[in-house]
Structures are given as structure tokens and as C-alpha cells.
N, C-alpha and C. Protein backbone atom coordinates (compact mmCIF):
# COMPACT_ATOMS: atom_id res chain seq x y z
N MET A 1 7.82 0.42 -19.85
CA MET A 1 8.96 0.94 -18.98
C MET A 1 8.47 1.66 -17.97
N ALA A 2 8.85 1.29 -16.70
CA ALA A 2 8.57 1.89 -15.62
C ALA A 2 9.55 3.11 -15.19
N ARG A 3 9.01 4.31 -14.79
CA ARG A 3 9.49 5.51 -14.46
C ARG A 3 9.36 5.57 -12.95
N VAL A 4 10.82 5.70 -12.31
CA VAL A 4 11.03 5.89 -10.94
C VAL A 4 10.90 7.28 -10.42
N ASN A 5 10.17 7.41 -9.37
CA ASN A 5 10.12 8.77 -8.61
C ASN A 5 10.58 8.65 -7.15
N PRO A 6 11.83 9.27 -7.17
CA PRO A 6 12.46 9.20 -5.93
C PRO A 6 11.81 9.85 -4.78
N SER A 7 10.93 10.66 -5.08
CA SER A 7 10.63 11.25 -3.77
C SER A 7 8.91 10.56 -3.56
N PHE A 8 8.57 9.71 -4.24
CA PHE A 8 7.23 8.89 -4.11
C PHE A 8 7.07 8.56 -2.69
N LEU A 9 7.73 8.04 -2.21
CA LEU A 9 7.72 7.72 -0.53
C LEU A 9 7.20 8.72 0.24
N ASP A 10 7.95 9.88 -0.02
CA ASP A 10 7.59 11.06 1.02
C ASP A 10 6.25 11.29 0.51
N GLU A 11 5.86 11.38 -0.67
CA GLU A 11 4.62 12.17 -1.26
C GLU A 11 3.66 11.20 -0.52
N VAL A 12 3.54 9.84 -0.43
CA VAL A 12 2.79 9.10 0.05
C VAL A 12 2.45 9.15 1.54
N SER A 13 3.62 9.02 2.39
CA SER A 13 3.41 9.30 3.71
C SER A 13 2.84 10.37 4.42
N CYS A 14 1.72 9.87 4.90
CA CYS A 14 0.56 10.59 5.30
C CYS A 14 0.82 10.72 6.93
N SER A 15 1.56 9.82 7.48
CA SER A 15 1.60 9.98 8.77
C SER A 15 3.07 9.22 9.11
N SER A 16 3.12 9.25 10.56
CA SER A 16 4.33 8.48 10.69
C SER A 16 4.23 7.00 11.04
N ASP A 17 3.03 6.56 11.05
CA ASP A 17 2.55 5.28 11.11
C ASP A 17 2.85 4.46 9.57
N PHE A 18 3.26 5.29 8.58
CA PHE A 18 3.37 4.66 7.24
C PHE A 18 4.80 3.86 7.40
N ASN A 19 4.66 2.39 7.35
CA ASN A 19 5.78 1.84 7.72
C ASN A 19 6.03 0.55 6.89
N ALA A 20 5.81 1.09 5.58
CA ALA A 20 5.85 -0.10 4.68
C ALA A 20 7.14 -0.83 4.55
N PHE A 21 8.34 -0.03 4.99
CA PHE A 21 9.51 -0.65 4.91
C PHE A 21 9.66 -1.51 5.77
N ALA A 22 8.78 -1.86 6.58
CA ALA A 22 9.04 -2.99 7.62
C ALA A 22 8.39 -4.50 7.10
N CYS A 23 7.52 -4.14 5.97
CA CYS A 23 6.99 -5.36 5.02
C CYS A 23 8.38 -6.50 4.95
N MET A 24 8.22 -7.75 5.39
CA MET A 24 9.42 -8.65 4.86
C MET A 24 9.13 -9.56 3.95
N ASN A 25 7.82 -9.29 3.09
CA ASN A 25 7.32 -10.08 1.97
C ASN A 25 6.96 -11.32 2.06
N CYS A 26 6.53 -11.80 3.51
CA CYS A 26 6.14 -13.19 3.77
C CYS A 26 4.88 -13.83 3.13
N GLY A 27 4.07 -12.81 2.88
CA GLY A 27 2.66 -13.33 2.21
C GLY A 27 1.71 -13.58 3.03
N VAL A 28 1.90 -13.34 4.11
CA VAL A 28 0.58 -13.71 5.34
C VAL A 28 -0.44 -12.93 5.16
N CYS A 29 -0.27 -11.48 4.94
CA CYS A 29 -1.21 -10.72 4.44
C CYS A 29 -2.25 -11.32 3.36
N THR A 30 -1.62 -11.45 2.26
CA THR A 30 -2.49 -12.02 1.26
C THR A 30 -2.94 -13.46 1.46
N ALA A 31 -2.52 -14.21 2.16
CA ALA A 31 -3.23 -15.38 2.66
C ALA A 31 -4.54 -15.26 3.64
N VAL A 32 -4.37 -14.06 4.50
CA VAL A 32 -5.87 -14.13 5.30
C VAL A 32 -6.45 -12.96 4.57
N CYS A 33 -6.42 -12.49 3.77
CA CYS A 33 -7.05 -11.38 3.17
C CYS A 33 -8.58 -11.84 2.57
N PRO A 34 -9.71 -11.52 3.24
CA PRO A 34 -11.09 -12.15 2.78
C PRO A 34 -11.52 -11.66 1.53
N MET A 35 -11.05 -10.80 1.00
CA MET A 35 -11.17 -10.34 -0.41
C MET A 35 -10.29 -11.08 -1.38
N GLY A 36 -9.37 -12.02 -1.18
CA GLY A 36 -8.49 -12.48 -1.93
C GLY A 36 -7.72 -11.72 -2.84
N LEU A 37 -7.21 -10.29 -2.22
CA LEU A 37 -6.38 -9.59 -3.43
C LEU A 37 -5.12 -9.94 -2.85
N ASP A 38 -4.45 -10.28 -4.03
CA ASP A 38 -3.11 -10.98 -3.96
C ASP A 38 -1.94 -9.99 -4.24
N LEU A 39 -2.44 -8.68 -4.72
CA LEU A 39 -1.52 -7.64 -4.83
C LEU A 39 -1.39 -6.84 -3.49
N LEU A 40 -2.38 -6.58 -2.70
CA LEU A 40 -2.16 -5.97 -1.51
C LEU A 40 -1.95 -6.81 -0.33
N PRO A 41 -1.09 -6.26 0.57
CA PRO A 41 -0.53 -4.95 0.37
C PRO A 41 1.07 -5.17 -0.06
N ARG A 42 1.63 -6.50 0.15
CA ARG A 42 3.21 -6.61 -0.16
C ARG A 42 3.57 -5.79 -1.30
N ARG A 43 3.06 -6.42 -2.44
CA ARG A 43 3.86 -5.94 -3.70
C ARG A 43 3.42 -4.48 -3.77
N LEU A 44 2.18 -3.89 -3.60
CA LEU A 44 2.20 -2.59 -3.49
C LEU A 44 2.94 -1.69 -2.54
N PHE A 45 3.22 -2.06 -1.50
CA PHE A 45 4.28 -1.37 -0.58
C PHE A 45 5.57 -1.41 -1.37
N ARG A 46 6.11 -2.49 -2.02
CA ARG A 46 7.43 -2.48 -2.66
C ARG A 46 7.10 -1.46 -3.85
N TYR A 47 6.26 -1.31 -4.60
CA TYR A 47 6.23 -0.18 -5.71
C TYR A 47 6.39 1.21 -5.03
N VAL A 48 5.68 1.54 -3.81
CA VAL A 48 5.96 2.49 -2.96
C VAL A 48 7.38 2.83 -2.91
N LEU A 49 7.98 1.88 -2.07
CA LEU A 49 9.48 1.91 -1.58
C LEU A 49 10.35 2.24 -2.83
N ILE A 50 10.25 1.81 -3.80
CA ILE A 50 11.16 1.73 -5.09
C ILE A 50 10.46 2.91 -5.88
N GLY A 51 9.81 3.47 -5.49
CA GLY A 51 9.12 4.74 -6.45
C GLY A 51 8.16 4.58 -7.68
N LEU A 52 7.66 3.40 -7.69
CA LEU A 52 6.81 3.06 -8.97
C LEU A 52 5.77 3.82 -8.65
N GLU A 53 5.55 4.94 -8.75
CA GLU A 53 4.18 5.66 -8.92
C GLU A 53 3.05 5.30 -9.87
N ASP A 54 3.54 5.10 -11.15
CA ASP A 54 2.63 4.81 -12.07
C ASP A 54 2.25 3.29 -11.81
N LYS A 55 2.79 2.32 -11.06
CA LYS A 55 2.28 1.27 -10.73
C LYS A 55 1.20 1.11 -9.61
N VAL A 56 1.39 2.07 -8.55
CA VAL A 56 0.50 2.13 -7.56
C VAL A 56 -0.66 2.63 -8.30
N ILE A 57 -0.80 3.86 -9.20
CA ILE A 57 -2.08 4.47 -9.74
C ILE A 57 -2.66 3.38 -10.54
N GLU A 58 -1.97 2.51 -11.07
CA GLU A 58 -2.56 1.36 -11.89
C GLU A 58 -3.59 0.73 -11.18
N ASN A 59 -3.13 0.29 -10.08
CA ASN A 59 -3.89 -0.32 -9.10
C ASN A 59 -4.80 0.61 -8.04
N THR A 60 -5.24 1.37 -8.58
CA THR A 60 -6.35 2.37 -7.95
C THR A 60 -7.58 1.45 -7.30
N GLU A 61 -8.21 0.67 -8.22
CA GLU A 61 -9.43 -0.05 -7.99
C GLU A 61 -9.18 -1.05 -6.86
N THR A 62 -7.77 -1.83 -7.06
CA THR A 62 -7.59 -2.64 -5.82
C THR A 62 -7.25 -1.90 -4.61
N ILE A 63 -6.44 -0.83 -4.67
CA ILE A 63 -6.31 -0.13 -3.29
C ILE A 63 -7.87 0.35 -2.74
N TYR A 64 -8.75 0.49 -3.31
CA TYR A 64 -10.11 0.81 -2.92
C TYR A 64 -10.86 -0.21 -2.52
N THR A 65 -10.54 -1.39 -3.04
CA THR A 65 -11.43 -2.54 -2.95
C THR A 65 -11.08 -3.23 -1.42
N CYS A 66 -9.87 -2.74 -0.92
CA CYS A 66 -9.45 -3.36 0.38
C CYS A 66 -10.48 -2.88 1.53
N LEU A 67 -11.09 -3.83 2.32
CA LEU A 67 -11.93 -3.54 3.32
C LEU A 67 -11.48 -2.77 4.39
N LEU A 68 -10.09 -2.78 4.71
CA LEU A 68 -9.51 -2.01 5.88
C LEU A 68 -9.90 -2.84 7.12
N CYS A 69 -10.47 -4.08 6.89
CA CYS A 69 -10.69 -4.80 8.35
C CYS A 69 -9.57 -5.09 9.18
N LYS A 70 -8.36 -5.09 8.76
CA LYS A 70 -7.27 -5.12 9.29
C LYS A 70 -6.89 -6.70 9.78
N MET A 71 -7.32 -7.54 9.10
CA MET A 71 -7.12 -8.97 9.21
C MET A 71 -5.78 -9.33 8.85
N CYS A 72 -5.26 -8.52 7.65
CA CYS A 72 -3.85 -8.55 7.47
C CYS A 72 -2.88 -8.14 8.38
N GLU A 73 -3.14 -6.93 9.03
CA GLU A 73 -2.51 -6.13 10.06
C GLU A 73 -2.24 -7.21 11.38
N GLU A 74 -3.42 -7.64 11.85
CA GLU A 74 -3.19 -8.67 13.11
C GLU A 74 -2.42 -9.86 12.94
N ASN A 75 -2.46 -10.20 11.61
CA ASN A 75 -1.53 -11.52 11.52
C ASN A 75 -0.07 -11.24 10.83
N CYS A 76 0.12 -9.94 10.68
CA CYS A 76 1.45 -9.54 10.25
C CYS A 76 2.70 -9.61 11.23
N PRO A 77 3.48 -10.59 10.87
CA PRO A 77 4.77 -10.74 11.88
C PRO A 77 5.66 -9.85 11.99
N ALA A 78 5.54 -8.65 11.11
CA ALA A 78 6.48 -7.46 11.01
C ALA A 78 5.73 -6.27 11.79
N GLU A 79 4.44 -6.42 12.00
CA GLU A 79 3.69 -5.52 12.65
C GLU A 79 3.50 -4.22 11.69
N VAL A 80 3.30 -4.43 10.52
CA VAL A 80 3.05 -3.25 9.64
C VAL A 80 1.70 -2.74 9.62
N LYS A 81 1.69 -1.53 9.64
CA LYS A 81 0.44 -0.98 9.93
C LYS A 81 -0.34 -0.86 8.48
N ILE A 82 -0.63 -2.03 8.14
CA ILE A 82 -1.27 -2.14 6.76
C ILE A 82 -2.35 -1.21 6.55
N ALA A 83 -3.32 -1.26 7.52
CA ALA A 83 -4.61 -0.27 7.01
C ALA A 83 -4.26 1.05 7.06
N GLU A 84 -3.43 1.59 8.03
CA GLU A 84 -2.91 3.02 7.84
C GLU A 84 -2.16 3.24 6.53
N ASN A 85 -1.10 2.18 6.21
CA ASN A 85 -0.38 2.44 4.83
C ASN A 85 -1.45 2.67 3.70
N VAL A 86 -2.43 1.82 3.68
CA VAL A 86 -3.57 1.67 2.57
C VAL A 86 -4.29 2.94 2.74
N LYS A 87 -4.60 3.50 3.74
CA LYS A 87 -5.33 5.07 3.89
C LYS A 87 -4.51 6.08 3.56
N CYS A 88 -2.99 5.86 3.57
CA CYS A 88 -2.31 6.83 3.08
C CYS A 88 -2.15 6.77 1.62
N LEU A 89 -2.27 5.52 0.96
CA LEU A 89 -2.13 5.35 -0.19
C LEU A 89 -3.79 5.84 -1.07
N ARG A 90 -4.76 5.80 -0.48
CA ARG A 90 -5.90 6.56 -0.88
C ARG A 90 -5.92 8.00 -0.81
N SER A 91 -5.37 8.51 0.18
CA SER A 91 -5.18 9.95 0.41
C SER A 91 -4.27 10.47 -0.74
N TYR A 92 -3.14 9.61 -1.01
CA TYR A 92 -2.39 10.20 -2.13
C TYR A 92 -3.21 10.11 -3.41
N ILE A 93 -3.80 8.87 -3.66
CA ILE A 93 -4.63 8.74 -4.98
C ILE A 93 -5.70 9.94 -5.06
N ASN A 94 -6.47 10.35 -3.90
CA ASN A 94 -7.51 11.36 -3.94
C ASN A 94 -7.06 12.38 -4.26
N ARG A 95 -5.60 12.91 -3.88
CA ARG A 95 -5.09 14.07 -4.49
C ARG A 95 -4.38 14.23 -5.75
N LYS A 96 -3.72 13.05 -6.11
CA LYS A 96 -3.13 13.09 -7.34
C LYS A 96 -3.97 12.76 -8.53
N VAL A 97 -4.79 11.65 -8.38
CA VAL A 97 -5.63 11.15 -9.76
C VAL A 97 -7.21 12.13 -9.50
N PHE A 98 -7.68 12.17 -8.42
CA PHE A 98 -8.97 12.45 -8.50
C PHE A 98 -9.22 14.01 -8.17
N LYS A 99 -8.29 14.45 -7.74
CA LYS A 99 -7.78 16.08 -7.43
C LYS A 99 -8.66 16.63 -6.21
N LEU A 100 -8.86 15.65 -5.36
CA LEU A 100 -9.72 15.87 -4.10
C LEU A 100 -8.96 16.97 -3.32
């Protein structure tokens, strides 16, 4: 059973550039990802937007596998700041999971 955290988006947003809400879920990001990560970023951003904190934490390894190469960002038709969003997720995981 999934637990929803209504303040999760606010907890993750580490900058004004966190614009996961702009994601259209088109799949271009996953198509161009050199790592072949089909979770990142579109499904991951949906988890944040609907407050599924546990689902994000479950995918910590995938979040840190992202190269931050911005290939997805360069090709995003919605101009989502994907690398910045992933950095925010990493920052959140560092605070919440690794207690850094």
C-alpha cells in the first residue's frame, strides 16, 4: 500500500527551477537516456507530484545512476529542468535517507 505525503513536493523542491509539474510524460527523456533508465525522469517526477515519497526512496539507486548529462533535458519539448530536478531529489535523499 502506498502512503501519500501531501507536503512531499515542498520537501523535495530545493530551488525555483524544480519544475517537474511541466513534464508531459511524453517519453522523449527515456528514449534518449544513454543509461537506458526507463524510470527516470518521467515516472519519478509523477511520484513526487502525487506525494509517493516511499516510491522515490525505493529508487535511490536509479536516481544516483543518472549521469546528469542533460541529454534528456536538451530534448525535452516541455523544457523541464530534468538535471536540476534530479539534483533536488539527490539532495532530499541525502537529508532523509543518508542523514547528510
